[in-house]
Amino acid sequence: MNLEQGPPGIDVTVPSVARIYDYLLGGKDNFAVDRAAAEKLIELTPNAREGVRSNRRFIRRAVTLMAEKGIRQFLDIGAGLPTQENVHEVALRAAPGSRVVYVDNDPIVLTHGRALLADNATTIVVDGDLRDPEGILGDPRINEHLDLSRPVGLLMVAVLHFIPDAGSIVATLRDRLAPGSAMALSHLSYGDLDEEKIREGRELYKSTSAAGVTPRTHAELLRFFDGFDLVEPGLVVTEDWRPEPDEPRLPRIPGVDGYAGVGLLP
């Protein structure tokens, strides 16, 4: 198959945020339109590649922590294309027998994820949209695979900034989590970008599958953790969330900020 032609049903003229992310990570599941958008993003915010790498490291650290807290079920919403150190790989390494659900609305994410996990009985990939949290929570496939009456590790990594009314969505999901659950999220903030670059960035994302982006301040992001007990060190720059002692640090390059944190539900 010629990847640039795209599989049936895929509009290769519209950049996909999942495929842009894949390109920034060094992946190959992307099209020319995604690569062009990603290069424009790097021009606007030179730390874009470091930001997505920080997010992958955060996923590993957060899932490991959740497993250490006894969580054996994981719900990753806005999962993106499969890459290294996916949630199911980290969870199964830390706690064999863990069950994982990936949720995404990108057709290529769904196709690749299902192909990769066809023989993995502990992990499924479900089509769903974070903008419809009730639809996700009520999905029979998810409820068959996970027991939502027991603790769940909810992950929303680098996805909430694509949703203007994210606060109500987070609250809906939180209110359905069982005590002992955990929530991990990372999110874009403004960093040291000037007003013109922020405007250009917003215009860029309007042309993508996400149709926009909403960076938030540290104070705004803290409100997502209402009802949770924030795990130390709190809501911090993504790369600073529980770095491992022998882990080389990513370089600090000017651009947007990314914040990350994990909360435990009493």
C-alpha atoms as a PDB file:
ATOM      1  CA  MET A   1       0.000   0.000   0.000  1.00  0.00           C
ATOM      2  CA  ASN A   2       1.224   3.478  -0.843  1.00  0.00           C
ATOM      3  CA  LEU A   3       0.994   5.192   2.532  1.00  0.00           C
ATOM      4  CA  GLU A   4       0.735   8.661   0.951  1.00  0.00           C
ATOM      5  CA  GLN A   5      -2.478   7.619  -0.774  1.00  0.00           C
ATOM      6  CA  GLY A   6      -3.942   6.597   2.537  1.00  0.00           C
ATOM      7  CA  PRO A   7      -6.299   3.736   3.306  1.00  0.00           C
ATOM      8  CA  PRO A   8      -9.984   4.002   2.361  1.00  0.00           C
ATOM      9  CA  GLY A   9     -11.885   6.577   4.375  1.00  0.00           C
ATOM     10  CA  ILE A  10      -8.791   8.577   5.384  1.00  0.00           C
ATOM     11  CA  ASP A  11      -8.602  12.192   4.187  1.00  0.00           C
ATOM     12  CA  VAL A  12      -4.878  12.755   3.667  1.00  0.00           C
ATOM     13  CA  THR A  13      -5.447  16.478   3.066  1.00  0.00           C
ATOM     14  CA  VAL A  14      -6.260  17.099   6.751  1.00  0.00           C
ATOM     15  CA  PRO A  15      -3.439  16.844   9.304  1.00  0.00           C
ATOM     16  CA  SER A  16      -4.180  14.457  12.159  1.00  0.00           C
ATOM     17  CA  VAL A  17      -2.969  15.380  15.646  1.00  0.00           C
ATOM     18  CA  ALA A  18      -2.246  11.694  16.312  1.00  0.00           C
ATOM     19  CA  ARG A  19      -0.098  11.430  13.190  1.00  0.00           C
ATOM     20  CA  ILE A  20       1.656  14.760  13.905  1.00  0.00           C
ATOM     21  CA  TYR A  21       2.529  13.365  17.333  1.00  0.00           C
ATOM     22  CA  ASP A  22       3.767  10.170  15.695  1.00  0.00           C
ATOM     23  CA  TYR A  23       6.027  12.150  13.362  1.00  0.00           C
ATOM     24  CA  LEU A  24       7.441  14.197  16.238  1.00  0.00           C
ATOM     25  CA  LEU A  25       8.291  10.930  18.015  1.00  0.00           C
ATOM     26  CA  GLY A  26      10.130   9.694  14.932  1.00  0.00           C
ATOM     27  CA  GLY A  27       7.373   7.342  13.785  1.00  0.00           C
ATOM     28  CA  LYS A  28       6.432   6.472  10.211  1.00  0.00           C
ATOM     29  CA  ASP A  29       2.628   6.301  10.444  1.00  0.00           C
ATOM     30  CA  ASN A  30       2.033   9.746   8.995  1.00  0.00           C
ATOM     31  CA  PHE A  31       1.419  11.522   5.695  1.00  0.00           C
ATOM     32  CA  ALA A  32       2.996  14.508   3.952  1.00  0.00           C
ATOM     33  CA  VAL A  33       0.320  16.843   5.313  1.00  0.00           C
ATOM     34  CA  ASP A  34       1.093  15.698   8.872  1.00  0.00           C
ATOM     35  CA  ARG A  35       4.827  16.152   8.391  1.00  0.00           C
ATOM     36  CA  ALA A  36       4.333  19.655   7.021  1.00  0.00           C
ATOM     37  CA  ALA A  37       2.154  20.608   9.992  1.00  0.00           C
ATOM     38  CA  ALA A  38       4.680  19.125  12.418  1.00  0.00           C
ATOM     39  CA  GLU A  39       7.564  21.043  10.848  1.00  0.00           C
ATOM     40  CA  LYS A  40       5.547  24.252  11.097  1.00  0.00           C
ATOM     41  CA  LEU A  41       4.897  23.441  14.751  1.00  0.00           C
ATOM     42  CA  ILE A  42       8.634  22.968  15.355  1.00  0.00           C
ATOM     43  CA  GLU A  43       9.238  26.331  13.704  1.00  0.00           C
ATOM     44  CA  LEU A  44       6.772  27.958  16.121  1.00  0.00           C
ATOM     45  CA  THR A  45       7.833  26.038  19.223  1.00  0.00           C
ATOM     46  CA  PRO A  46      11.308  24.493  18.868  1.00  0.00           C
ATOM     47  CA  ASN A  47      10.795  22.159  21.854  1.00  0.00           C
ATOM     48  CA  ALA A  48       7.935  20.264  20.188  1.00  0.00           C
ATOM     49  CA  ARG A  49       9.925  17.040  19.801  1.00  0.00           C
ATOM     50  CA  GLU A  50      11.201  17.203  23.378  1.00  0.00           C
ATOM     51  CA  GLY A  51       7.629  17.794  24.558  1.00  0.00           C
ATOM     52  CA  VAL A  52       6.232  14.616  23.016  1.00  0.00           C
ATOM     53  CA  ARG A  53       9.209  12.611  24.296  1.00  0.00           C
ATOM     54  CA  SER A  54       8.548  13.963  27.791  1.00  0.00           C
ATOM     55  CA  ASN A  55       4.954  12.799  27.478  1.00  0.00           C
ATOM     56  CA  ARG A  56       6.040   9.248  26.652  1.00  0.00           C
ATOM     57  CA  ARG A  57       8.356   9.187  29.650  1.00  0.00           C
ATOM     58  CA  PHE A  58       5.555  10.525  31.830  1.00  0.00           C
ATOM     59  CA  ILE A  59       3.257   7.699  30.719  1.00  0.00           C
ATOM     60  CA  ARG A  60       5.824   5.126  31.802  1.00  0.00           C
ATOM     61  CA  ARG A  61       6.340   6.766  35.184  1.00  0.00           C
ATOM     62  CA  ALA A  62       2.620   7.332  35.819  1.00  0.00           C
ATOM     63  CA  VAL A  63       1.513   3.804  34.887  1.00  0.00           C
ATOM     64  CA  THR A  64       4.292   2.325  37.004  1.00  0.00           C
ATOM     65  CA  LEU A  65       3.158   4.415  39.972  1.00  0.00           C
ATOM     66  CA  MET A  66      -0.462   3.356  39.469  1.00  0.00           C
ATOM     67  CA  ALA A  67       0.558  -0.289  39.373  1.00  0.00           C
ATOM     68  CA  GLU A  68       2.544   0.215  42.592  1.00  0.00           C
ATOM     69  CA  LYS A  69      -0.665   1.588  44.140  1.00  0.00           C
ATOM     70  CA  GLY A  70      -2.416  -1.692  43.299  1.00  0.00           C
ATOM     71  CA  ILE A  71      -4.289  -0.560  40.184  1.00  0.00           C
ATOM     72  CA  ARG A  72      -4.726  -3.335  37.637  1.00  0.00           C
ATOM     73  CA  GLN A  73      -7.089  -1.641  35.149  1.00  0.00           C
ATOM     74  CA  PHE A  74      -6.137   1.189  32.810  1.00  0.00           C
ATOM     75  CA  LEU A  75      -8.261   3.412  30.568  1.00  0.00           C
ATOM     76  CA  ASP A  76      -6.186   5.488  28.139  1.00  0.00           C
ATOM     77  CA  ILE A  77      -8.357   8.063  26.346  1.00  0.00           C
ATOM     78  CA  GLY A  78      -6.823   9.734  23.315  1.00  0.00           C
ATOM     79  CA  ALA A  79      -4.244   6.979  23.191  1.00  0.00           C
ATOM     80  CA  GLY A  80      -2.658   7.864  19.853  1.00  0.00           C
ATOM     81  CA  LEU A  81      -0.672   5.620  17.561  1.00  0.00           C
ATOM     82  CA  PRO A  82       1.219   2.689  19.081  1.00  0.00           C
ATOM     83  CA  THR A  83       4.849   3.490  19.825  1.00  0.00           C
ATOM     84  CA  GLN A  84       7.453   2.432  22.381  1.00  0.00           C
ATOM     85  CA  GLU A  85       6.544   2.043  26.055  1.00  0.00           C
ATOM     86  CA  ASN A  86       2.796   1.899  25.500  1.00  0.00           C
ATOM     87  CA  VAL A  87       0.473   1.721  28.504  1.00  0.00           C
ATOM     88  CA  HIS A  88      -0.180  -2.009  28.139  1.00  0.00           C
ATOM     89  CA  GLU A  89       3.540  -2.787  27.915  1.00  0.00           C
ATOM     90  CA  VAL A  90       4.365  -0.794  31.041  1.00  0.00           C
ATOM     91  CA  ALA A  91       1.348  -2.098  32.968  1.00  0.00           C
ATOM     92  CA  LEU A  92       1.947  -5.738  32.111  1.00  0.00           C
ATOM     93  CA  ARG A  93       5.615  -5.451  33.011  1.00  0.00           C
ATOM     94  CA  ALA A  94       4.789  -3.858  36.372  1.00  0.00           C
ATOM     95  CA  ALA A  95       1.724  -5.977  37.134  1.00  0.00           C
ATOM     96  CA  PRO A  96       1.152  -9.050  34.934  1.00  0.00           C
ATOM     97  CA  GLY A  97      -2.536  -9.628  34.257  1.00  0.00           C
ATOM     98  CA  SER A  98      -3.413  -5.931  34.105  1.00  0.00           C
ATOM     99  CA  ARG A  99      -6.218  -5.018  31.714  1.00  0.00           C
ATOM    100  CA  VAL A 100      -6.017  -2.036  29.384  1.00  0.00           C
ATOM    101  CA  VAL A 101      -8.458  -0.188  27.141  1.00  0.00           C
ATOM    102  CA  TYR A 102      -7.240   2.297  24.557  1.00  0.00           C
ATOM    103  CA  VAL A 103      -9.805   4.822  23.297  1.00  0.00           C
ATOM    104  CA  ASP A 104      -9.303   7.012  20.240  1.00  0.00           C
ATOM    105  CA  ASN A 105     -11.311   8.452  17.356  1.00  0.00           C
ATOM    106  CA  ASP A 106      -8.582   8.470  14.694  1.00  0.00           C
ATOM    107  CA  PRO A 107      -9.217   5.692  12.112  1.00  0.00           C
ATOM    108  CA  ILE A 108      -5.524   4.950  11.619  1.00  0.00           C
ATOM    109  CA  VAL A 109      -4.952   4.734  15.382  1.00  0.00           C
ATOM    110  CA  LEU A 110      -7.784   2.223  15.615  1.00  0.00           C
ATOM    111  CA  THR A 111      -6.580   0.159  12.656  1.00  0.00           C
ATOM    112  CA  HIS A 112      -2.951  -0.004  13.769  1.00  0.00           C
ATOM    113  CA  GLY A 113      -3.786  -0.557  17.423  1.00  0.00           C
ATOM    114  CA  ARG A 114      -6.153  -3.417  16.695  1.00  0.00           C
ATOM    115  CA  ALA A 115      -3.668  -5.063  14.363  1.00  0.00           C
ATOM    116  CA  LEU A 116      -0.899  -4.809  16.942  1.00  0.00           C
ATOM    117  CA  LEU A 117      -3.049  -6.157  19.765  1.00  0.00           C
ATOM    118  CA  ALA A 118      -5.037  -8.799  17.896  1.00  0.00           C
ATOM    119  CA  ASP A 119      -3.496 -11.602  19.956  1.00  0.00           C
ATOM    120  CA  ASN A 120      -3.392  -9.717  23.269  1.00  0.00           C
ATOM    121  CA  ALA A 121      -6.355 -10.744  25.404  1.00  0.00           C
ATOM    122  CA  THR A 122      -5.580  -8.220  28.145  1.00  0.00           C
ATOM    123  CA  THR A 123      -5.809  -5.132  25.940  1.00  0.00           C
ATOM    124  CA  ILE A 124      -8.463  -3.788  23.562  1.00  0.00           C
ATOM    125  CA  VAL A 125      -8.791  -0.727  21.322  1.00  0.00           C
ATOM    126  CA  VAL A 126     -12.160   1.035  21.205  1.00  0.00           C
ATOM    127  CA  ASP A 127     -13.401   3.877  19.033  1.00  0.00           C
ATOM    128  CA  GLY A 128     -14.590   6.745  21.193  1.00  0.00           C
ATOM    129  CA  ASP A 129     -14.413  10.498  21.590  1.00  0.00           C
ATOM    130  CA  LEU A 130     -13.321  12.255  24.770  1.00  0.00           C
ATOM    131  CA  ARG A 131     -15.912  14.938  24.020  1.00  0.00           C
ATOM    132  CA  ASP A 132     -18.524  12.260  24.795  1.00  0.00           C
ATOM    133  CA  PRO A 133     -17.448  10.930  28.203  1.00  0.00           C
ATOM    134  CA  GLU A 134     -20.830   9.347  28.877  1.00  0.00           C
ATOM    135  CA  GLY A 135     -20.514   7.412  25.639  1.00  0.00           C
ATOM    136  CA  ILE A 136     -17.121   6.098  26.727  1.00  0.00           C
ATOM    137  CA  LEU A 137     -18.302   5.191  30.215  1.00  0.00           C
ATOM    138  CA  GLY A 138     -21.372   3.453  28.825  1.00  0.00           C
ATOM    139  CA  ASP A 139     -19.600   1.554  26.051  1.00  0.00           C
ATOM    140  CA  PRO A 140     -20.396  -2.150  26.542  1.00  0.00           C
ATOM    141  CA  ARG A 141     -16.990  -3.191  25.191  1.00  0.00           C
ATOM    142  CA  ILE A 142     -15.237  -1.129  27.836  1.00  0.00           C
ATOM    143  CA  ASN A 143     -17.539  -2.322  30.597  1.00  0.00           C
ATOM    144  CA  GLU A 144     -16.999  -5.931  29.574  1.00  0.00           C
ATOM    145  CA  HIS A 145     -13.226  -5.534  29.651  1.00  0.00           C
ATOM    146  CA  LEU A 146     -12.955  -3.338  32.757  1.00  0.00           C
ATOM    147  CA  ASP A 147     -14.862  -3.396  36.034  1.00  0.00           C
ATOM    148  CA  LEU A 148     -15.579   0.288  36.618  1.00  0.00           C
ATOM    149  CA  SER A 149     -16.746  -0.465  40.155  1.00  0.00           C
ATOM    150  CA  ARG A 150     -13.096  -1.162  41.000  1.00  0.00           C
ATOM    151  CA  PRO A 151     -10.067   1.182  40.822  1.00  0.00           C
ATOM    152  CA  VAL A 152      -9.040   2.309  37.354  1.00  0.00           C
ATOM    153  CA  GLY A 153      -5.983   4.207  36.165  1.00  0.00           C
ATOM    154  CA  LEU A 154      -7.369   6.909  33.858  1.00  0.00           C
ATOM    155  CA  LEU A 155      -4.881   8.479  31.453  1.00  0.00           C
ATOM    156  CA  MET A 156      -5.486  11.607  29.372  1.00  0.00           C
ATOM    157  CA  VAL A 157      -2.036  12.484  28.102  1.00  0.00           C
ATOM    158  CA  ALA A 158      -1.614  15.442  25.721  1.00  0.00           C
ATOM    159  CA  VAL A 159      -5.286  15.410  24.740  1.00  0.00           C
ATOM    160  CA  LEU A 160      -7.312  17.760  26.961  1.00  0.00           C
ATOM    161  CA  HIS A 161      -5.812  20.859  25.319  1.00  0.00           C
ATOM    162  CA  PHE A 162      -7.786  19.942  22.197  1.00  0.00           C
ATOM    163  CA  ILE A 163     -11.080  20.330  24.083  1.00  0.00           C
ATOM    164  CA  PRO A 164     -12.429  23.794  25.032  1.00  0.00           C
ATOM    165  CA  ASP A 165     -14.829  22.579  27.768  1.00  0.00           C
ATOM    166  CA  ALA A 166     -12.464  20.008  29.238  1.00  0.00           C
ATOM    167  CA  GLY A 167     -13.332  20.791  32.862  1.00  0.00           C
ATOM    168  CA  SER A 168     -16.827  19.338  32.672  1.00  0.00           C
ATOM    169  CA  ILE A 169     -15.516  16.266  30.868  1.00  0.00           C
ATOM    170  CA  VAL A 170     -12.882  15.584  33.513  1.00  0.00           C
ATOM    171  CA  ALA A 171     -15.529  16.007  36.237  1.00  0.00           C
ATOM    172  CA  THR A 172     -17.858  13.523  34.513  1.00  0.00           C
ATOM    173  CA  LEU A 173     -15.110  10.916  34.308  1.00  0.00           C
ATOM    174  CA  ARG A 174     -13.954  11.578  37.886  1.00  0.00           C
ATOM    175  CA  ASP A 175     -17.447  11.114  39.266  1.00  0.00           C
ATOM    176  CA  ARG A 176     -17.636   7.608  37.780  1.00  0.00           C
ATOM    177  CA  LEU A 177     -14.267   6.429  39.058  1.00  0.00           C
ATOM    178  CA  ALA A 178     -14.210   4.091  42.036  1.00  0.00           C
ATOM    179  CA  PRO A 179     -12.318   5.086  45.198  1.00  0.00           C
ATOM    180  CA  GLY A 180      -8.669   4.134  44.867  1.00  0.00           C
ATOM    181  CA  SER A 181      -8.591   5.117  41.197  1.00  0.00           C
ATOM    182  CA  ALA A 182      -5.991   7.475  39.749  1.00  0.00           C
ATOM    183  CA  MET A 183      -5.914  10.064  36.989  1.00  0.00           C
ATOM    184  CA  ALA A 184      -2.821  11.027  35.001  1.00  0.00           C
ATOM    185  CA  LEU A 185      -2.850  13.964  32.634  1.00  0.00           C
ATOM    186  CA  SER A 186      -0.452  16.171  30.764  1.00  0.00           C
ATOM    187  CA  HIS A 187      -1.363  19.397  29.023  1.00  0.00           C
ATOM    188  CA  LEU A 188       0.055  22.283  27.015  1.00  0.00           C
ATOM    189  CA  SER A 189       0.592  25.682  28.559  1.00  0.00           C
ATOM    190  CA  TYR A 190       1.815  28.912  26.948  1.00  0.00           C
ATOM    191  CA  GLY A 191       5.508  28.806  27.831  1.00  0.00           C
ATOM    192  CA  ASP A 192       7.569  31.665  26.506  1.00  0.00           C
ATOM    193  CA  LEU A 193       5.774  32.024  23.165  1.00  0.00           C
ATOM    194  CA  ASP A 194       4.863  35.536  22.136  1.00  0.00           C
ATOM    195  CA  GLU A 195       1.329  36.517  21.122  1.00  0.00           C
ATOM    196  CA  GLU A 196       2.040  36.158  17.409  1.00  0.00           C
ATOM    197  CA  LYS A 197       3.368  32.600  17.743  1.00  0.00           C
ATOM    198  CA  ILE A 198       0.405  31.672  19.948  1.00  0.00           C
ATOM    199  CA  ARG A 199      -1.930  33.022  17.260  1.00  0.00           C
ATOM    200  CA  GLU A 200      -0.102  31.097  14.528  1.00  0.00           C
ATOM    201  CA  GLY A 201      -0.201  27.947  16.611  1.00  0.00           C
ATOM    202  CA  ARG A 202      -3.948  28.266  17.095  1.00  0.00           C
ATOM    203  CA  GLU A 203      -4.394  28.752  13.341  1.00  0.00           C
ATOM    204  CA  LEU A 204      -2.275  25.696  12.638  1.00  0.00           C
ATOM    205  CA  TYR A 205      -4.372  23.480  14.892  1.00  0.00           C
ATOM    206  CA  LYS A 206      -7.619  24.809  13.398  1.00  0.00           C
ATOM    207  CA  SER A 207      -6.588  23.057  10.179  1.00  0.00           C
ATOM    208  CA  THR A 208      -6.077  19.687  11.911  1.00  0.00           C
ATOM    209  CA  SER A 209      -8.415  16.906  12.954  1.00  0.00           C
ATOM    210  CA  ALA A 210      -8.665  18.534  16.388  1.00  0.00           C
ATOM    211  CA  ALA A 211     -10.004  21.803  14.899  1.00  0.00           C
ATOM    212  CA  GLY A 212      -8.242  23.873  17.553  1.00  0.00           C
ATOM    213  CA  VAL A 213      -6.075  23.944  20.656  1.00  0.00           C
ATOM    214  CA  THR A 214      -6.597  25.498  24.101  1.00  0.00           C
ATOM    215  CA  PRO A 215      -3.407  25.957  26.141  1.00  0.00           C
ATOM    216  CA  ARG A 216      -4.150  26.517  29.840  1.00  0.00           C
ATOM    217  CA  THR A 217      -2.335  28.089  32.747  1.00  0.00           C
ATOM    218  CA  HIS A 218      -0.979  26.137  35.684  1.00  0.00           C
ATOM    219  CA  ALA A 219      -3.827  27.429  37.862  1.00  0.00           C
ATOM    220  CA  GLU A 220      -6.432  26.324  35.318  1.00  0.00           C
ATOM    221  CA  LEU A 221      -4.894  22.869  35.093  1.00  0.00           C
ATOM    222  CA  LEU A 222      -4.884  22.447  38.863  1.00  0.00           C
ATOM    223  CA  ARG A 223      -8.681  22.647  38.816  1.00  0.00           C
ATOM    224  CA  PHE A 224      -8.812  19.419  36.809  1.00  0.00           C
ATOM    225  CA  PHE A 225      -7.575  17.675  39.964  1.00  0.00           C
ATOM    226  CA  ASP A 226     -10.471  18.836  42.151  1.00  0.00           C
ATOM    227  CA  GLY A 227     -11.498  15.818  44.228  1.00  0.00           C
ATOM    228  CA  PHE A 228      -8.128  14.103  43.799  1.00  0.00           C
ATOM    229  CA  ASP A 229      -5.105  14.033  46.075  1.00  0.00           C
ATOM    230  CA  LEU A 230      -2.169  15.165  43.955  1.00  0.00           C
ATOM    231  CA  VAL A 231       0.813  12.849  44.137  1.00  0.00           C
ATOM    232  CA  GLU A 232       4.163  14.487  44.831  1.00  0.00           C
ATOM    233  CA  PRO A 233       5.688  16.506  43.242  1.00  0.00           C
ATOM    234  CA  GLY A 234       2.277  17.837  42.208  1.00  0.00           C
ATOM    235  CA  LEU A 235       1.502  19.455  38.867  1.00  0.00           C
ATOM    236  CA  VAL A 236       4.911  20.232  37.394  1.00  0.00           C
ATOM    237  CA  VAL A 237       6.726  20.575  34.087  1.00  0.00           C
ATOM    238  CA  THR A 238       6.273  17.176  32.446  1.00  0.00           C
ATOM    239  CA  GLU A 239       9.957  16.285  32.381  1.00  0.00           C
ATOM    240  CA  ASP A 240      10.176  17.044  36.118  1.00  0.00           C
ATOM    241  CA  TRP A 241       7.465  14.583  37.155  1.00  0.00           C
ATOM    242  CA  ARG A 242       9.320  11.868  39.084  1.00  0.00           C
ATOM    243  CA  PRO A 243      12.364  11.494  36.824  1.00  0.00           C
ATOM    244  CA  GLU A 244      14.244   8.281  37.355  1.00  0.00           C
ATOM    245  CA  PRO A 245      17.693   8.718  38.975  1.00  0.00           C
ATOM    246  CA  ASP A 246      19.671   7.215  36.094  1.00  0.00           C
ATOM    247  CA  GLU A 247      17.518   8.738  33.346  1.00  0.00           C
ATOM    248  CA  PRO A 248      19.264  11.313  31.121  1.00  0.00           C
ATOM    249  CA  ARG A 249      17.454  14.641  31.117  1.00  0.00           C
ATOM    250  CA  LEU A 250      15.973  16.013  27.926  1.00  0.00           C
ATOM    251  CA  PRO A 251      17.368  19.415  26.944  1.00  0.00           C
ATOM    252  CA  ARG A 252      15.367  22.507  27.863  1.00  0.00           C
ATOM    253  CA  ILE A 253      14.554  24.320  24.617  1.00  0.00           C
ATOM    254  CA  PRO A 254      12.389  27.460  24.364  1.00  0.00           C
ATOM    255  CA  GLY A 255       8.787  26.905  23.375  1.00  0.00           C
ATOM    256  CA  VAL A 256       5.511  25.884  24.977  1.00  0.00           C
ATOM    257  CA  ASP A 257       5.351  24.483  28.478  1.00  0.00           C
ATOM    258  CA  GLY A 258       3.863  21.121  29.255  1.00  0.00           C
ATOM    259  CA  TYR A 259       2.572  20.250  32.717  1.00  0.00           C
ATOM    260  CA  ALA A 260       1.820  16.807  34.101  1.00  0.00           C
ATOM    261  CA  GLY A 261       0.443  15.325  37.273  1.00  0.00           C
ATOM    262  CA  VAL A 262      -1.224  12.298  38.827  1.00  0.00           C
ATOM    263  CA  GLY A 263      -4.077  12.408  41.297  1.00  0.00           C
ATOM    264  CA  LEU A 264      -5.395   9.647  43.538  1.00  0.00           C
ATOM    265  CA  LEU A 265      -9.109   9.412  44.295  1.00  0.00           C
ATOM    266  CA  PRO A 266      -9.722   8.906  48.034  1.00  0.00           C
END
